[in-house]
Structures are given as C-alpha cells and as structure tokens.
C-alpha cells in the first residue's frame, strides 16, 4: 500500500479502477465473463466488509486484556485449590493422630472417613490438568487472533471507542463482583475506612 493513502481511500481507488475497466469492456464481454466479473466485484465487497468487521472487534482488548485476565484468573483458581487441598490434607493428618487415641470402633470409622477425604482430594490434580489445557487453548486463540489482527490491522483503522463506552467499561471493572486476584481487591483497611464514614 503506498504511503500516505488511507486504507479506506485505497479500497475506494481499487473499486474505482475496477469499475472503470468494467465500463470500458462493457460491450466486449460475454455473458460468462460479465457474470465472473460481477462475482469478483461482489467478492471484493465481501472482503472489504470482513476487514471492517475484524477491525471493529477491538482485537487489542482481546489479546492485551481479556485473554491475559482469563489466564490470570485460571492461575489463581489453581493456586487457591492447591492451598485449600493442602489445608484439607493437614487436617486429615491431625485427624489421624486423634484416631490413634480413640477406641478401635471409632478409630475405624474415623480412618474410613479420612481415607475418603484423601481420595476426594485427587480433584485438585485433575482440575489443575484441565485448567492447564484451557490456558493452552486460550493462548493458541490469542496467537491466532493476533496473527489475524496483524494481517488485517494495518489495512483498516480500528474505530475508537466512545468515551461513554470506555467509562462504562472502566466502571464495570471497578465494581467487579467475586473474588479478586491477589493484590487487586479492596483491602480490609479500605473497607474499614468506608464503614467508619457511615458512623
């Protein structure tokens, strides 16, 4: 693409050139050739529309914010489940020490329950493996989206987000519900300060 010619202007010039060629050949084309040229013209419009739609996706948001945020959340899930599993296993060890000190009948029931807890804790390994597969799939999607954006991004200018949309998006993130990533949530001191304002 020549420097200084915007993508939209370049597409317009190509369409104008094709139309000029078609106009000069109008009398010399067979019906088959005319139909073929009409199909090519329609295909050009479809490609231009697809390029505009790809640009409107705001791919940078996907590759720089959404996918990394999703992988961070999944990593946090793996970390929290590992931590919870370790605490459960520590409690089981404490129960085993108690089981050694109780009568045989109660110790047998207690040991059976402890064994079932140990077996149930295998969920942590399985969920870790499955989450690892999801993270790998997200990274593959990110790479493909990035490749498509790189291929088409220079050809079409992405529309700028309206200030209202940016404000709503920012406000939505600020008011996000649910558990936050380590260091990203509101601290207890901030909550205490807010509650003190109501007094």
N, C-alpha and C. Protein backbone atom coordinates (compact mmCIF):
# COMPACT_ATOMS: atom_id res chain seq x y z
N UNK A 1 0.86 -1.18 0.00
CA UNK A 1 0.00 0.00 0.00
C UNK A 1 0.90 1.24 0.00
N UNK A 2 0.70 2.20 -0.92
CA UNK A 2 1.53 3.39 -0.95
C UNK A 2 1.37 4.18 0.33
N UNK A 3 2.52 4.80 0.75
CA UNK A 3 2.49 5.63 1.96
C UNK A 3 1.58 6.82 1.76
N UNK A 4 0.91 7.21 2.82
CA UNK A 4 0.09 8.41 2.78
C UNK A 4 -1.32 8.20 2.28
N UNK A 5 -1.64 7.01 1.77
CA UNK A 5 -3.01 6.75 1.29
C UNK A 5 -3.73 5.95 2.36
N UNK A 6 -4.78 6.50 2.98
CA UNK A 6 -5.51 5.75 4.00
C UNK A 6 -6.10 4.48 3.42
N UNK A 7 -6.29 3.47 4.28
CA UNK A 7 -6.81 2.18 3.83
C UNK A 7 -8.14 2.34 3.12
N UNK A 8 -9.05 3.14 3.71
CA UNK A 8 -10.37 3.33 3.10
C UNK A 8 -10.24 3.97 1.73
N UNK A 9 -9.32 4.96 1.58
CA UNK A 9 -9.10 5.63 0.30
C UNK A 9 -8.53 4.67 -0.72
N UNK A 10 -7.61 3.80 -0.27
CA UNK A 10 -7.01 2.81 -1.15
C UNK A 10 -8.08 1.86 -1.67
N UNK A 11 -8.96 1.37 -0.80
CA UNK A 11 -10.04 0.49 -1.24
C UNK A 11 -10.94 1.19 -2.26
N UNK A 12 -11.23 2.47 -2.02
CA UNK A 12 -12.06 3.24 -2.95
C UNK A 12 -11.40 3.38 -4.31
N UNK A 13 -10.09 3.59 -4.33
CA UNK A 13 -9.37 3.72 -5.61
C UNK A 13 -9.37 2.41 -6.38
N UNK A 14 -9.21 1.29 -5.66
CA UNK A 14 -9.22 -0.01 -6.32
C UNK A 14 -10.60 -0.27 -6.93
N UNK A 15 -11.64 0.02 -6.14
CA UNK A 15 -13.00 -0.19 -6.65
C UNK A 15 -13.26 0.70 -7.87
N UNK A 16 -12.80 1.94 -7.81
CA UNK A 16 -12.99 2.85 -8.94
C UNK A 16 -12.26 2.35 -10.18
N UNK A 17 -11.04 1.82 -10.00
CA UNK A 17 -10.27 1.29 -11.14
C UNK A 17 -10.96 0.09 -11.75
N UNK A 18 -11.47 -0.81 -10.90
CA UNK A 18 -12.18 -1.99 -11.41
C UNK A 18 -13.42 -1.57 -12.18
N UNK A 19 -14.16 -0.60 -11.62
CA UNK A 19 -15.37 -0.12 -12.28
C UNK A 19 -15.03 0.52 -13.64
N UNK A 20 -13.93 1.26 -13.69
CA UNK A 20 -13.54 1.90 -14.95
C UNK A 20 -13.21 0.85 -16.00
N UNK A 21 -12.49 -0.21 -15.59
CA UNK A 21 -12.16 -1.30 -16.53
C UNK A 21 -13.44 -1.97 -17.01
N UNK A 22 -14.37 -2.22 -16.07
CA UNK A 22 -15.64 -2.85 -16.46
C UNK A 22 -16.40 -1.99 -17.45
N UNK A 23 -16.41 -0.67 -17.21
CA UNK A 23 -17.13 0.23 -18.11
C UNK A 23 -16.54 0.20 -19.51
N UNK A 24 -15.20 0.13 -19.62
CA UNK A 24 -14.58 0.12 -20.95
C UNK A 24 -14.80 -1.19 -21.68
N UNK A 25 -14.99 -2.28 -20.91
CA UNK A 25 -15.16 -3.60 -21.53
C UNK A 25 -16.62 -3.99 -21.68
N UNK A 26 -17.54 -3.12 -21.32
CA UNK A 26 -18.95 -3.49 -21.26
C UNK A 26 -19.44 -4.14 -22.55
N UNK A 27 -19.06 -3.61 -23.67
CA UNK A 27 -19.56 -4.16 -24.93
C UNK A 27 -18.80 -5.38 -25.38
N UNK A 28 -17.59 -5.60 -24.87
CA UNK A 28 -16.74 -6.68 -25.35
C UNK A 28 -16.84 -7.96 -24.53
N UNK A 29 -17.61 -7.96 -23.42
CA UNK A 29 -17.66 -9.12 -22.54
C UNK A 29 -18.77 -10.08 -22.94
N UNK A 30 -18.47 -11.36 -22.80
CA UNK A 30 -19.51 -12.37 -22.98
C UNK A 30 -20.32 -12.41 -21.69
N UNK A 31 -21.44 -13.09 -21.72
CA UNK A 31 -22.29 -13.19 -20.53
C UNK A 31 -21.54 -13.89 -19.39
N UNK A 32 -20.75 -14.90 -19.73
CA UNK A 32 -19.99 -15.64 -18.71
C UNK A 32 -18.94 -14.73 -18.07
N UNK A 33 -18.22 -13.97 -18.92
CA UNK A 33 -17.20 -13.06 -18.39
C UNK A 33 -17.82 -11.97 -17.52
N UNK A 34 -18.96 -11.45 -17.94
CA UNK A 34 -19.64 -10.41 -17.17
C UNK A 34 -20.08 -10.97 -15.81
N UNK A 35 -20.60 -12.20 -15.82
CA UNK A 35 -21.02 -12.82 -14.57
C UNK A 35 -19.82 -13.05 -13.66
N UNK A 36 -18.69 -13.48 -14.24
CA UNK A 36 -17.48 -13.70 -13.46
C UNK A 36 -16.97 -12.40 -12.86
N UNK A 37 -16.96 -11.34 -13.63
CA UNK A 37 -16.50 -10.04 -13.12
C UNK A 37 -17.45 -9.53 -12.03
N UNK A 38 -18.74 -9.75 -12.19
CA UNK A 38 -19.70 -9.34 -11.16
C UNK A 38 -19.45 -10.12 -9.87
N UNK A 39 -19.14 -11.41 -9.99
CA UNK A 39 -18.83 -12.22 -8.80
C UNK A 39 -17.56 -11.70 -8.12
N UNK A 40 -16.55 -11.36 -8.92
CA UNK A 40 -15.30 -10.82 -8.35
C UNK A 40 -15.54 -9.49 -7.65
N UNK A 41 -16.38 -8.67 -8.23
CA UNK A 41 -16.70 -7.38 -7.61
C UNK A 41 -17.41 -7.62 -6.27
N UNK A 42 -18.36 -8.57 -6.26
CA UNK A 42 -19.05 -8.91 -5.01
C UNK A 42 -18.10 -9.48 -3.98
N UNK A 43 -17.15 -10.31 -4.43
CA UNK A 43 -16.15 -10.87 -3.52
C UNK A 43 -15.29 -9.77 -2.92
N UNK A 44 -14.93 -8.78 -3.71
CA UNK A 44 -14.15 -7.65 -3.20
C UNK A 44 -14.90 -6.90 -2.11
N UNK A 45 -16.22 -6.70 -2.32
CA UNK A 45 -17.03 -6.04 -1.29
C UNK A 45 -17.10 -6.87 -0.02
N UNK A 46 -17.22 -8.20 -0.19
CA UNK A 46 -17.27 -9.09 0.98
C UNK A 46 -15.97 -9.02 1.77
N UNK A 47 -14.83 -9.03 1.07
CA UNK A 47 -13.53 -8.95 1.74
C UNK A 47 -13.39 -7.62 2.47
N UNK A 48 -13.80 -6.53 1.83
CA UNK A 48 -13.71 -5.21 2.47
C UNK A 48 -14.59 -5.17 3.72
N UNK A 49 -15.79 -5.75 3.63
CA UNK A 49 -16.68 -5.77 4.79
C UNK A 49 -16.08 -6.60 5.92
N UNK A 50 -15.47 -7.75 5.57
CA UNK A 50 -14.85 -8.61 6.58
C UNK A 50 -13.70 -7.88 7.27
N UNK A 51 -12.93 -7.12 6.50
CA UNK A 51 -11.82 -6.35 7.09
C UNK A 51 -12.34 -5.30 8.07
N UNK A 52 -13.45 -4.64 7.70
CA UNK A 52 -14.04 -3.65 8.62
C UNK A 52 -14.55 -4.32 9.88
N UNK A 53 -15.17 -5.50 9.75
CA UNK A 53 -15.69 -6.21 10.92
C UNK A 53 -14.57 -6.68 11.83
N UNK A 54 -13.47 -7.14 11.25
CA UNK A 54 -12.33 -7.56 12.06
C UNK A 54 -11.76 -6.37 12.82
N UNK A 55 -11.66 -5.24 12.15
CA UNK A 55 -11.14 -4.03 12.81
C UNK A 55 -12.05 -3.58 13.94
N UNK A 56 -13.36 -3.78 13.78
CA UNK A 56 -14.30 -3.32 14.80
C UNK A 56 -14.31 -4.22 16.03
N UNK A 57 -13.65 -5.38 15.96
CA UNK A 57 -13.62 -6.29 17.10
C UNK A 57 -12.78 -5.76 18.27
N UNK A 58 -11.98 -4.76 18.03
CA UNK A 58 -11.06 -4.24 19.05
C UNK A 58 -10.20 -5.39 19.57
N UNK A 59 -9.45 -5.97 18.63
CA UNK A 59 -8.63 -7.15 18.91
C UNK A 59 -7.64 -6.88 20.03
N UNK A 60 -7.15 -5.64 20.13
CA UNK A 60 -6.19 -5.33 21.19
C UNK A 60 -6.78 -5.62 22.57
N UNK A 61 -8.09 -5.36 22.73
CA UNK A 61 -8.74 -5.66 24.02
C UNK A 61 -8.69 -7.16 24.30
N UNK A 62 -8.88 -7.96 23.25
CA UNK A 62 -8.89 -9.41 23.43
C UNK A 62 -7.50 -9.91 23.79
N UNK A 63 -6.48 -9.50 23.02
CA UNK A 63 -5.15 -10.04 23.22
C UNK A 63 -4.39 -9.39 24.37
N UNK A 64 -4.71 -8.15 24.71
CA UNK A 64 -3.96 -7.46 25.76
C UNK A 64 -4.69 -7.42 27.10
N UNK A 65 -6.01 -7.64 27.10
CA UNK A 65 -6.75 -7.53 28.36
C UNK A 65 -7.53 -8.80 28.69
N UNK A 66 -8.44 -9.20 27.81
CA UNK A 66 -9.37 -10.27 28.14
C UNK A 66 -8.70 -11.64 28.33
N UNK A 67 -7.89 -12.06 27.36
CA UNK A 67 -7.26 -13.37 27.47
C UNK A 67 -6.24 -13.40 28.61
N UNK A 68 -5.36 -12.39 28.75
CA UNK A 68 -4.46 -12.41 29.91
C UNK A 68 -5.21 -12.41 31.24
N UNK A 69 -6.31 -11.65 31.33
CA UNK A 69 -7.10 -11.63 32.57
C UNK A 69 -7.69 -13.02 32.84
N UNK A 70 -8.18 -13.67 31.78
CA UNK A 70 -8.76 -15.01 31.96
C UNK A 70 -7.70 -16.01 32.42
N UNK A 71 -6.50 -15.95 31.83
CA UNK A 71 -5.45 -16.89 32.24
C UNK A 71 -4.99 -16.59 33.67
N UNK A 72 -4.96 -15.31 34.05
CA UNK A 72 -4.61 -14.96 35.44
C UNK A 72 -5.63 -15.52 36.42
N UNK A 73 -6.92 -15.41 36.05
CA UNK A 73 -7.97 -15.94 36.92
C UNK A 73 -7.84 -17.46 37.04
N UNK A 74 -7.56 -18.13 35.94
CA UNK A 74 -7.41 -19.58 35.98
C UNK A 74 -6.20 -19.99 36.82
N UNK A 75 -5.10 -19.23 36.68
CA UNK A 75 -3.92 -19.50 37.52
C UNK A 75 -4.26 -19.31 39.00
N UNK A 76 -5.08 -18.30 39.30
CA UNK A 76 -5.50 -18.06 40.69
C UNK A 76 -6.34 -19.22 41.20
N UNK A 77 -7.20 -19.78 40.34
CA UNK A 77 -8.01 -20.94 40.73
C UNK A 77 -7.10 -22.11 41.10
N UNK A 78 -6.10 -22.36 40.25
CA UNK A 78 -5.17 -23.47 40.53
C UNK A 78 -4.47 -23.23 41.86
N UNK A 79 -4.02 -21.99 42.10
CA UNK A 79 -3.34 -21.67 43.35
C UNK A 79 -4.23 -21.85 44.57
N UNK A 80 -5.48 -21.37 44.46
CA UNK A 80 -6.40 -21.47 45.59
C UNK A 80 -6.81 -22.91 45.87
N UNK A 81 -7.03 -23.70 44.82
CA UNK A 81 -7.39 -25.10 45.06
C UNK A 81 -6.22 -25.86 45.66
N UNK A 82 -5.00 -25.55 45.23
CA UNK A 82 -3.83 -26.21 45.82
C UNK A 82 -3.70 -25.85 47.30
N UNK A 83 -3.91 -24.58 47.62
CA UNK A 83 -3.82 -24.14 49.01
C UNK A 83 -4.91 -24.82 49.86
N UNK A 84 -6.14 -24.85 49.34
CA UNK A 84 -7.23 -25.49 50.08
C UNK A 84 -6.97 -26.98 50.26
N UNK A 85 -6.45 -27.64 49.22
CA UNK A 85 -6.15 -29.06 49.32
C UNK A 85 -5.09 -29.33 50.38
N UNK A 86 -4.06 -28.48 50.42
CA UNK A 86 -3.02 -28.66 51.44
C UNK A 86 -3.59 -28.52 52.84
N UNK A 87 -4.51 -27.56 53.03
CA UNK A 87 -5.13 -27.40 54.34
C UNK A 87 -5.98 -28.61 54.71
N UNK A 88 -6.70 -29.14 53.73
CA UNK A 88 -7.51 -30.34 53.98
C UNK A 88 -6.60 -31.51 54.38
N UNK A 89 -5.50 -31.68 53.66
CA UNK A 89 -4.57 -32.77 53.97
C UNK A 89 -3.95 -32.59 55.36
N UNK A 90 -3.63 -31.35 55.72
CA UNK A 90 -3.11 -31.09 57.08
C UNK A 90 -4.14 -31.49 58.14
N UNK A 91 -5.41 -31.17 57.88
CA UNK A 91 -6.48 -31.54 58.83
C UNK A 91 -6.61 -33.07 58.92
N UNK A 92 -6.46 -33.75 57.78
CA UNK A 92 -6.54 -35.21 57.79
C UNK A 92 -5.42 -35.81 58.64
N UNK A 93 -4.22 -35.23 58.54
CA UNK A 93 -3.11 -35.72 59.36
C UNK A 93 -3.41 -35.52 60.85
N UNK A 94 -4.02 -34.38 61.19
CA UNK A 94 -4.39 -34.14 62.59
C UNK A 94 -5.44 -35.15 63.04
N UNK A 95 -6.40 -35.46 62.16
CA UNK A 95 -7.43 -36.45 62.50
C UNK A 95 -6.83 -37.85 62.67
N UNK A 96 -5.82 -38.17 61.86
CA UNK A 96 -5.16 -39.48 62.00
C UNK A 96 -4.48 -39.60 63.37
N UNK A 97 -3.89 -38.49 63.84
CA UNK A 97 -3.26 -38.51 65.17
C UNK A 97 -4.32 -38.73 66.26
N UNK A 98 -5.50 -38.11 66.08
CA UNK A 98 -6.59 -38.29 67.04
C UNK A 98 -7.12 -39.72 66.96
N UNK A 99 -7.21 -40.27 65.75
CA UNK A 99 -7.75 -41.62 65.55
C UNK A 99 -6.92 -42.65 66.31
N UNK A 100 -5.64 -42.38 66.46
CA UNK A 100 -4.77 -43.32 67.18
C UNK A 100 -5.07 -43.34 68.68
N UNK A 101 -5.79 -42.33 69.16
CA UNK A 101 -6.03 -42.20 70.60
C UNK A 101 -7.46 -42.54 71.02
N UNK A 102 -8.32 -42.90 70.08
CA UNK A 102 -9.73 -43.20 70.40
C UNK A 102 -9.95 -44.71 70.36
N UNK A 103 -11.05 -45.19 70.92
CA UNK A 103 -11.33 -46.63 70.88
C UNK A 103 -11.36 -47.17 69.45
N UNK A 104 -11.10 -48.46 69.30
CA UNK A 104 -10.93 -49.10 67.98
C UNK A 104 -12.12 -48.89 67.05
N UNK A 105 -13.34 -49.03 67.54
CA UNK A 105 -14.52 -48.90 66.67
C UNK A 105 -14.61 -47.49 66.08
N UNK A 106 -14.43 -46.48 66.96
CA UNK A 106 -14.48 -45.09 66.48
C UNK A 106 -13.29 -44.78 65.58
N UNK A 107 -12.12 -45.35 65.90
CA UNK A 107 -10.92 -45.12 65.09
C UNK A 107 -11.11 -45.66 63.68
N UNK A 108 -11.79 -46.81 63.57
CA UNK A 108 -12.02 -47.41 62.25
C UNK A 108 -12.93 -46.52 61.41
N UNK A 109 -14.00 -46.00 62.02
CA UNK A 109 -14.91 -45.08 61.30
C UNK A 109 -14.16 -43.82 60.89
N UNK A 110 -13.37 -43.29 61.83
CA UNK A 110 -12.60 -42.07 61.56
C UNK A 110 -11.59 -42.30 60.44
N UNK A 111 -10.90 -43.43 60.47
CA UNK A 111 -9.90 -43.74 59.43
C UNK A 111 -10.57 -43.91 58.07
N UNK A 112 -11.77 -44.52 58.05
CA UNK A 112 -12.50 -44.66 56.78
C UNK A 112 -12.85 -43.30 56.19
N UNK A 113 -13.30 -42.38 57.05
CA UNK A 113 -13.64 -41.02 56.57
C UNK A 113 -12.39 -40.29 56.07
N UNK A 114 -11.28 -40.46 56.79
CA UNK A 114 -10.03 -39.81 56.38
C UNK A 114 -9.57 -40.33 55.02
N UNK A 115 -9.68 -41.63 54.81
CA UNK A 115 -9.28 -42.24 53.53
C UNK A 115 -10.14 -41.67 52.40
N UNK A 116 -11.44 -41.55 52.64
CA UNK A 116 -12.33 -40.98 51.61
C UNK A 116 -11.95 -39.53 51.30
N UNK A 117 -11.56 -38.77 52.32
CA UNK A 117 -11.13 -37.38 52.09
C UNK A 117 -9.87 -37.35 51.24
N UNK A 118 -8.90 -38.23 51.57
CA UNK A 118 -7.66 -38.31 50.77
C UNK A 118 -7.99 -38.61 49.30
N UNK A 119 -8.88 -39.56 49.08
CA UNK A 119 -9.25 -39.92 47.71
C UNK A 119 -9.94 -38.76 46.99
N UNK A 120 -10.80 -38.04 47.72
CA UNK A 120 -11.52 -36.91 47.10
C UNK A 120 -10.56 -35.77 46.74
N UNK A 121 -9.45 -35.67 47.46
CA UNK A 121 -8.51 -34.58 47.20
C UNK A 121 -7.78 -34.73 45.86
N UNK A 122 -7.97 -35.86 45.19
CA UNK A 122 -7.36 -36.02 43.86
C UNK A 122 -7.98 -35.04 42.86
N UNK A 123 -9.14 -34.41 43.24
CA UNK A 123 -9.77 -33.44 42.35
C UNK A 123 -8.80 -32.32 41.99
N UNK A 124 -7.92 -31.98 42.94
CA UNK A 124 -7.02 -30.84 42.73
C UNK A 124 -6.07 -31.09 41.57
N UNK A 125 -5.56 -32.30 41.48
CA UNK A 125 -4.65 -32.64 40.39
C UNK A 125 -5.39 -32.65 39.06
N UNK A 126 -6.60 -33.22 39.07
CA UNK A 126 -7.39 -33.31 37.83
C UNK A 126 -7.79 -31.92 37.35
N UNK A 127 -8.29 -31.06 38.26
CA UNK A 127 -8.69 -29.72 37.84
C UNK A 127 -7.48 -28.92 37.36
N UNK A 128 -6.33 -29.12 38.01
CA UNK A 128 -5.12 -28.42 37.56
C UNK A 128 -4.77 -28.79 36.13
N UNK A 129 -4.87 -30.09 35.80
CA UNK A 129 -4.58 -30.53 34.43
C UNK A 129 -5.57 -29.96 33.43
N UNK A 130 -6.85 -29.97 33.80
CA UNK A 130 -7.87 -29.45 32.87
C UNK A 130 -7.73 -27.95 32.68
N UNK A 131 -7.46 -27.24 33.75
CA UNK A 131 -7.27 -25.80 33.63
C UNK A 131 -6.04 -25.50 32.78
N UNK A 132 -5.01 -26.32 32.92
CA UNK A 132 -3.82 -26.16 32.07
C UNK A 132 -4.16 -26.28 30.60
N UNK A 133 -5.06 -27.22 30.26
CA UNK A 133 -5.49 -27.37 28.87
C UNK A 133 -6.26 -26.13 28.40
N UNK A 134 -7.12 -25.58 29.28
CA UNK A 134 -7.88 -24.38 28.91
C UNK A 134 -6.93 -23.21 28.68
N UNK A 135 -5.93 -23.06 29.56
CA UNK A 135 -4.96 -21.96 29.40
C UNK A 135 -4.21 -22.12 28.08
N UNK A 136 -3.81 -23.35 27.74
CA UNK A 136 -3.11 -23.58 26.47
C UNK A 136 -4.01 -23.22 25.29
N UNK A 137 -5.31 -23.57 25.37
CA UNK A 137 -6.25 -23.24 24.29
C UNK A 137 -6.41 -21.73 24.17
N UNK A 138 -6.51 -21.02 25.31
CA UNK A 138 -6.63 -19.56 25.28
C UNK A 138 -5.40 -18.91 24.64
N UNK A 139 -4.23 -19.45 24.96
CA UNK A 139 -3.01 -18.89 24.38
C UNK A 139 -2.94 -19.14 22.87
N UNK A 140 -3.43 -20.31 22.43
CA UNK A 140 -3.48 -20.59 21.00
C UNK A 140 -4.45 -19.64 20.30
N UNK A 141 -5.61 -19.38 20.94
CA UNK A 141 -6.58 -18.43 20.37
C UNK A 141 -5.96 -17.05 20.31
N UNK A 142 -5.27 -16.65 21.38
CA UNK A 142 -4.64 -15.34 21.41
C UNK A 142 -3.64 -15.18 20.27
N UNK A 143 -2.84 -16.23 20.02
CA UNK A 143 -1.85 -16.18 18.93
C UNK A 143 -2.53 -16.05 17.58
N UNK A 144 -3.63 -16.80 17.38
CA UNK A 144 -4.32 -16.74 16.09
C UNK A 144 -5.01 -15.40 15.88
N UNK A 145 -5.66 -14.90 16.94
CA UNK A 145 -6.31 -13.59 16.83
C UNK A 145 -5.26 -12.52 16.55
N UNK A 146 -4.11 -12.61 17.22
CA UNK A 146 -3.04 -11.66 16.99
C UNK A 146 -2.54 -11.70 15.55
N UNK A 147 -2.43 -12.92 14.98
CA UNK A 147 -1.98 -13.06 13.59
C UNK A 147 -2.98 -12.44 12.63
N UNK A 148 -4.28 -12.68 12.88
CA UNK A 148 -5.31 -12.10 12.01
C UNK A 148 -5.29 -10.58 12.12
N UNK A 149 -5.16 -10.09 13.35
CA UNK A 149 -5.14 -8.64 13.55
C UNK A 149 -3.94 -8.01 12.87
N UNK A 150 -2.81 -8.68 12.95
CA UNK A 150 -1.60 -8.16 12.31
C UNK A 150 -1.76 -8.12 10.80
N UNK A 151 -2.41 -9.18 10.26
CA UNK A 151 -2.59 -9.27 8.82
C UNK A 151 -3.55 -8.20 8.30
N UNK A 152 -4.65 -7.95 9.05
CA UNK A 152 -5.66 -7.02 8.59
C UNK A 152 -5.60 -5.67 9.29
N UNK A 153 -4.94 -5.61 10.42
CA UNK A 153 -4.94 -4.38 11.22
C UNK A 153 -4.38 -3.18 10.50
N UNK A 154 -3.32 -3.38 9.71
CA UNK A 154 -2.72 -2.23 9.02
C UNK A 154 -3.57 -1.78 7.84
N UNK A 155 -4.45 -2.68 7.36
CA UNK A 155 -5.27 -2.32 6.21
C UNK A 155 -6.51 -1.53 6.58
N UNK A 156 -6.96 -1.66 7.83
CA UNK A 156 -8.18 -0.98 8.25
C UNK A 156 -7.94 -0.33 9.60
N UNK A 157 -8.33 0.92 9.73
CA UNK A 157 -8.18 1.60 11.02
C UNK A 157 -9.30 1.17 11.94
N UNK A 158 -8.94 0.76 13.16
CA UNK A 158 -9.96 0.34 14.13
C UNK A 158 -10.72 1.56 14.63
N UNK A 159 -12.05 1.45 14.78
CA UNK A 159 -12.81 2.59 15.29
C UNK A 159 -12.46 2.83 16.76
N UNK A 160 -12.35 4.11 17.11
CA UNK A 160 -12.05 4.45 18.51
C UNK A 160 -13.30 4.23 19.35
N UNK A 161 -13.07 3.77 20.57
CA UNK A 161 -14.20 3.56 21.47
C UNK A 161 -14.73 4.91 21.93
N UNK A 162 -16.04 4.98 22.05
CA UNK A 162 -16.63 6.24 22.51
C UNK A 162 -16.31 6.45 23.98
N UNK A 163 -16.17 7.72 24.43
CA UNK A 163 -15.87 7.97 25.84
C UNK A 163 -16.87 7.32 26.78
N UNK A 164 -18.15 7.27 26.39
CA UNK A 164 -19.17 6.66 27.24
C UNK A 164 -18.91 5.18 27.41
N UNK A 165 -18.50 4.51 26.32
CA UNK A 165 -18.22 3.07 26.39
C UNK A 165 -17.02 2.81 27.28
N UNK A 166 -15.98 3.63 27.14
CA UNK A 166 -14.79 3.45 27.97
C UNK A 166 -15.15 3.67 29.43
N UNK A 167 -15.94 4.69 29.72
CA UNK A 167 -16.32 4.97 31.09
C UNK A 167 -17.14 3.82 31.67
N UNK A 168 -18.09 3.29 30.91
CA UNK A 168 -18.91 2.18 31.40
C UNK A 168 -18.06 0.94 31.63
N UNK A 169 -17.11 0.70 30.72
CA UNK A 169 -16.25 -0.47 30.86
C UNK A 169 -15.37 -0.33 32.09
N UNK A 170 -14.79 0.85 32.28
CA UNK A 170 -13.94 1.10 33.44
C UNK A 170 -14.74 0.97 34.73
N UNK A 171 -15.95 1.52 34.74
CA UNK A 171 -16.80 1.45 35.92
C UNK A 171 -17.18 0.01 36.21
N UNK A 172 -17.44 -0.78 35.17
CA UNK A 172 -17.78 -2.19 35.35
C UNK A 172 -16.64 -2.95 35.99
N UNK A 173 -15.40 -2.68 35.55
CA UNK A 173 -14.25 -3.34 36.15
C UNK A 173 -14.09 -2.94 37.61
N UNK A 174 -14.33 -1.64 37.89
CA UNK A 174 -14.14 -1.15 39.26
C UNK A 174 -15.13 -1.80 40.21
N UNK A 175 -16.33 -2.08 39.71
CA UNK A 175 -17.37 -2.64 40.56
C UNK A 175 -17.48 -4.16 40.42
N UNK A 176 -16.43 -4.79 39.86
CA UNK A 176 -16.47 -6.24 39.63
C UNK A 176 -16.76 -7.00 40.91
N UNK A 177 -17.65 -7.97 40.79
CA UNK A 177 -18.01 -8.81 41.93
C UNK A 177 -17.14 -10.05 41.94
N UNK A 178 -17.19 -10.74 43.06
CA UNK A 178 -16.49 -12.02 43.16
C UNK A 178 -15.07 -11.85 43.66
N UNK A 179 -14.39 -12.97 43.81
CA UNK A 179 -13.02 -12.92 44.33
C UNK A 179 -12.10 -12.20 43.36
N UNK A 180 -11.16 -11.48 43.92
CA UNK A 180 -10.21 -10.72 43.11
C UNK A 180 -8.86 -11.44 43.11
N UNK A 181 -8.04 -11.13 42.12
CA UNK A 181 -6.70 -11.68 42.08
C UNK A 181 -5.89 -11.11 43.24
N UNK A 182 -4.89 -11.82 43.71
CA UNK A 182 -4.08 -11.30 44.82
C UNK A 182 -3.54 -9.91 44.50
N UNK A 183 -3.76 -8.98 45.44
CA UNK A 183 -3.29 -7.60 45.28
C UNK A 183 -4.23 -6.71 44.49
N UNK A 184 -5.27 -7.27 43.88
CA UNK A 184 -6.17 -6.47 43.05
C UNK A 184 -7.45 -6.08 43.78
N UNK A 185 -7.76 -6.76 44.87
CA UNK A 185 -9.01 -6.50 45.58
C UNK A 185 -8.90 -5.30 46.50
N UNK A 186 -10.02 -4.98 47.12
CA UNK A 186 -10.07 -3.89 48.09
C UNK A 186 -9.53 -4.41 49.41
N UNK A 187 -8.65 -3.64 50.04
CA UNK A 187 -8.04 -4.09 51.29
C UNK A 187 -9.03 -3.93 52.45
N UNK A 188 -8.76 -4.66 53.53
CA UNK A 188 -9.60 -4.57 54.72
C UNK A 188 -9.56 -3.16 55.29
N UNK A 189 -8.40 -2.50 55.23
CA UNK A 189 -8.27 -1.13 55.73
C UNK A 189 -9.20 -0.19 54.97
N UNK A 190 -9.30 -0.37 53.63
CA UNK A 190 -10.19 0.47 52.83
C UNK A 190 -11.65 0.22 53.20
N UNK A 191 -11.99 -1.03 53.46
CA UNK A 191 -13.36 -1.36 53.85
C UNK A 191 -13.68 -0.74 55.21
N UNK A 192 -12.73 -0.87 56.15
CA UNK A 192 -12.93 -0.28 57.49
C UNK A 192 -13.10 1.23 57.40
N UNK A 193 -12.29 1.87 56.55
CA UNK A 193 -12.38 3.33 56.37
C UNK A 193 -13.74 3.71 55.79
N UNK A 194 -14.24 2.94 54.84
CA UNK A 194 -15.55 3.20 54.25
C UNK A 194 -16.66 3.04 55.28
N UNK A 195 -16.59 1.97 56.08
CA UNK A 195 -17.62 1.75 57.11
C UNK A 195 -17.57 2.81 58.18
N UNK A 196 -16.38 3.31 58.49
CA UNK A 196 -16.25 4.36 59.50
C UNK A 196 -16.92 5.64 59.05
N UNK A 197 -17.01 5.87 57.74
CA UNK A 197 -17.66 7.07 57.21
C UNK A 197 -19.17 7.06 57.48
N UNK A 198 -19.77 5.87 57.69
CA UNK A 198 -21.20 5.78 57.94
C UNK A 198 -21.56 6.14 59.38
N UNK A 199 -20.57 6.12 60.27
CA UNK A 199 -20.85 6.43 61.70
C UNK A 199 -21.16 7.90 61.92
